[in-house]
Amino acid sequence: MTPTMSEVVAAHPLFAGWPAGAQLVVGCGRLVAFAPGALLVAEGEQARTLFLLRRGSVSVELHSPGSGPLVVDRIGPGGVVGWSW
């Protein structure tokens, strides 16, 4: 059974002990899934989305001139992506 947005946000560590904050996010959130290797946001783009990871992992990459993408962080379940607006 797919959890509701309210359940997902309330269970996320970012909102532990902050129910008012969780309720603000629930109203503008949506549940999405991405295929392995999908790009969530490109380097240099304006961040417009906050991703609360439930499953899987996300690699944070920077472009390194002459050598291509460089993985600088890997974020797993319970992590947050897109918080550095």
C-alpha atoms as a PDB file:
ATOM      1  CA  MET A   1       0.000   0.000   0.000  1.00  0.00           C
ATOM      2  CA  THR A   2       1.345   3.413  -0.976  1.00  0.00           C
ATOM      3  CA  PRO A   3       1.699   5.779   1.989  1.00  0.00           C
ATOM      4  CA  THR A   4       0.026   9.170   1.920  1.00  0.00           C
ATOM      5  CA  MET A   5       2.056  12.355   1.544  1.00  0.00           C
ATOM      6  CA  SER A   6       1.233  13.181   5.156  1.00  0.00           C
ATOM      7  CA  GLU A   7       2.640   9.834   6.340  1.00  0.00           C
ATOM      8  CA  VAL A   8       5.817  10.184   4.248  1.00  0.00           C
ATOM      9  CA  VAL A   9       6.602  13.698   5.470  1.00  0.00           C
ATOM     10  CA  ALA A  10       5.719  12.992   9.103  1.00  0.00           C
ATOM     11  CA  ALA A  11       8.027   9.939   9.109  1.00  0.00           C
ATOM     12  CA  HIS A  12      10.985  11.753   7.528  1.00  0.00           C
ATOM     13  CA  PRO A  13      13.877  12.650   9.892  1.00  0.00           C
ATOM     14  CA  LEU A  14      13.947  16.266   8.625  1.00  0.00           C
ATOM     15  CA  PHE A  15      10.561  16.875  10.234  1.00  0.00           C
ATOM     16  CA  ALA A  16      11.043  14.906  13.469  1.00  0.00           C
ATOM     17  CA  GLY A  17       9.711  17.065  16.291  1.00  0.00           C
ATOM     18  CA  TRP A  18       8.418  19.718  13.893  1.00  0.00           C
ATOM     19  CA  PRO A  19       4.816  18.790  13.005  1.00  0.00           C
ATOM     20  CA  ALA A  20       3.933  22.345  11.912  1.00  0.00           C
ATOM     21  CA  GLY A  21       6.736  22.264   9.332  1.00  0.00           C
ATOM     22  CA  ALA A  22       5.622  18.859   8.124  1.00  0.00           C
ATOM     23  CA  GLN A  23       2.084  20.127   7.562  1.00  0.00           C
ATOM     24  CA  LEU A  24       3.376  23.055   5.473  1.00  0.00           C
ATOM     25  CA  VAL A  25       5.240  20.661   3.179  1.00  0.00           C
ATOM     26  CA  VAL A  26       2.361  18.195   2.846  1.00  0.00           C
ATOM     27  CA  GLY A  27       0.234  20.808   1.113  1.00  0.00           C
ATOM     28  CA  CYS A  28       2.720  21.364  -1.706  1.00  0.00           C
ATOM     29  CA  GLY A  29       4.317  17.930  -2.007  1.00  0.00           C
ATOM     30  CA  ARG A  30       3.786  14.967  -4.269  1.00  0.00           C
ATOM     31  CA  LEU A  31       5.053  11.399  -4.369  1.00  0.00           C
ATOM     32  CA  VAL A  32       7.319  10.668  -7.337  1.00  0.00           C
ATOM     33  CA  ALA A  33       9.607   7.850  -8.443  1.00  0.00           C
ATOM     34  CA  PHE A  34      12.604   8.085 -10.758  1.00  0.00           C
ATOM     35  CA  ALA A  35      14.292   5.502 -12.934  1.00  0.00           C
ATOM     36  CA  PRO A  36      17.895   4.586 -12.055  1.00  0.00           C
ATOM     37  CA  GLY A  37      20.253   7.153 -13.565  1.00  0.00           C
ATOM     38  CA  ALA A  38      17.565   9.857 -13.910  1.00  0.00           C
ATOM     39  CA  LEU A  39      18.707  13.463 -13.519  1.00  0.00           C
ATOM     40  CA  LEU A  40      16.874  15.308 -10.738  1.00  0.00           C
ATOM     41  CA  VAL A  41      18.541  18.678 -11.244  1.00  0.00           C
ATOM     42  CA  ALA A  42      21.529  19.815 -13.288  1.00  0.00           C
ATOM     43  CA  GLU A  43      24.505  21.725 -11.930  1.00  0.00           C
ATOM     44  CA  GLY A  44      23.884  25.444 -12.286  1.00  0.00           C
ATOM     45  CA  GLU A  45      20.077  25.158 -12.407  1.00  0.00           C
ATOM     46  CA  GLN A  46      17.995  26.984  -9.843  1.00  0.00           C
ATOM     47  CA  ALA A  47      16.783  24.574  -7.151  1.00  0.00           C
ATOM     48  CA  ARG A  48      12.988  24.543  -7.076  1.00  0.00           C
ATOM     49  CA  THR A  49      12.277  21.194  -5.480  1.00  0.00           C
ATOM     50  CA  LEU A  50      13.096  19.597  -2.145  1.00  0.00           C
ATOM     51  CA  PHE A  51      13.392  15.800  -2.390  1.00  0.00           C
ATOM     52  CA  LEU A  52      12.910  13.644   0.710  1.00  0.00           C
ATOM     53  CA  LEU A  53      14.484  10.276  -0.087  1.00  0.00           C
ATOM     54  CA  ARG A  54      12.554   7.186   1.010  1.00  0.00           C
ATOM     55  CA  ARG A  55      14.385   4.518  -1.015  1.00  0.00           C
ATOM     56  CA  GLY A  56      17.401   4.242  -3.265  1.00  0.00           C
ATOM     57  CA  SER A  57      20.220   6.736  -3.474  1.00  0.00           C
ATOM     58  CA  VAL A  58      21.165   9.947  -5.247  1.00  0.00           C
ATOM     59  CA  SER A  59      24.648  10.892  -6.383  1.00  0.00           C
ATOM     60  CA  VAL A  60      25.603  14.563  -6.214  1.00  0.00           C
ATOM     61  CA  GLU A  61      27.988  15.263  -9.064  1.00  0.00           C
ATOM     62  CA  LEU A  62      30.026  18.249 -10.188  1.00  0.00           C
ATOM     63  CA  HIS A  63      31.446  18.684 -13.643  1.00  0.00           C
ATOM     64  CA  SER A  64      35.221  18.519 -13.578  1.00  0.00           C
ATOM     65  CA  PRO A  65      36.793  20.089 -16.690  1.00  0.00           C
ATOM     66  CA  GLY A  66      38.868  17.509 -18.517  1.00  0.00           C
ATOM     67  CA  SER A  67      37.619  14.522 -16.549  1.00  0.00           C
ATOM     68  CA  GLY A  68      33.799  14.666 -16.616  1.00  0.00           C
ATOM     69  CA  PRO A  69      31.423  14.106 -13.668  1.00  0.00           C
ATOM     70  CA  LEU A  70      32.898  13.879 -10.185  1.00  0.00           C
ATOM     71  CA  VAL A  71      30.735  12.314  -7.440  1.00  0.00           C
ATOM     72  CA  VAL A  72      31.037  14.530  -4.356  1.00  0.00           C
ATOM     73  CA  ASP A  73      28.303  12.962  -2.236  1.00  0.00           C
ATOM     74  CA  ARG A  74      25.888  10.035  -2.216  1.00  0.00           C
ATOM     75  CA  ILE A  75      22.609  10.459  -0.364  1.00  0.00           C
ATOM     76  CA  GLY A  76      20.459   7.527   0.744  1.00  0.00           C
ATOM     77  CA  PRO A  77      17.098   6.887   2.418  1.00  0.00           C
ATOM     78  CA  GLY A  78      16.251   9.541   5.003  1.00  0.00           C
ATOM     79  CA  GLY A  79      18.415  12.076   3.176  1.00  0.00           C
ATOM     80  CA  VAL A  80      17.418  15.345   1.572  1.00  0.00           C
ATOM     81  CA  VAL A  81      18.281  16.650  -1.911  1.00  0.00           C
ATOM     82  CA  GLY A  82      17.667  20.198  -3.161  1.00  0.00           C
ATOM     83  CA  TRP A  83      17.902  21.966   0.178  1.00  0.00           C
ATOM     84  CA  SER A  84      20.632  24.410  -0.894  1.00  0.00           C
ATOM     85  CA  TRP A  85      18.488  26.967  -2.646  1.00  0.00           C
END
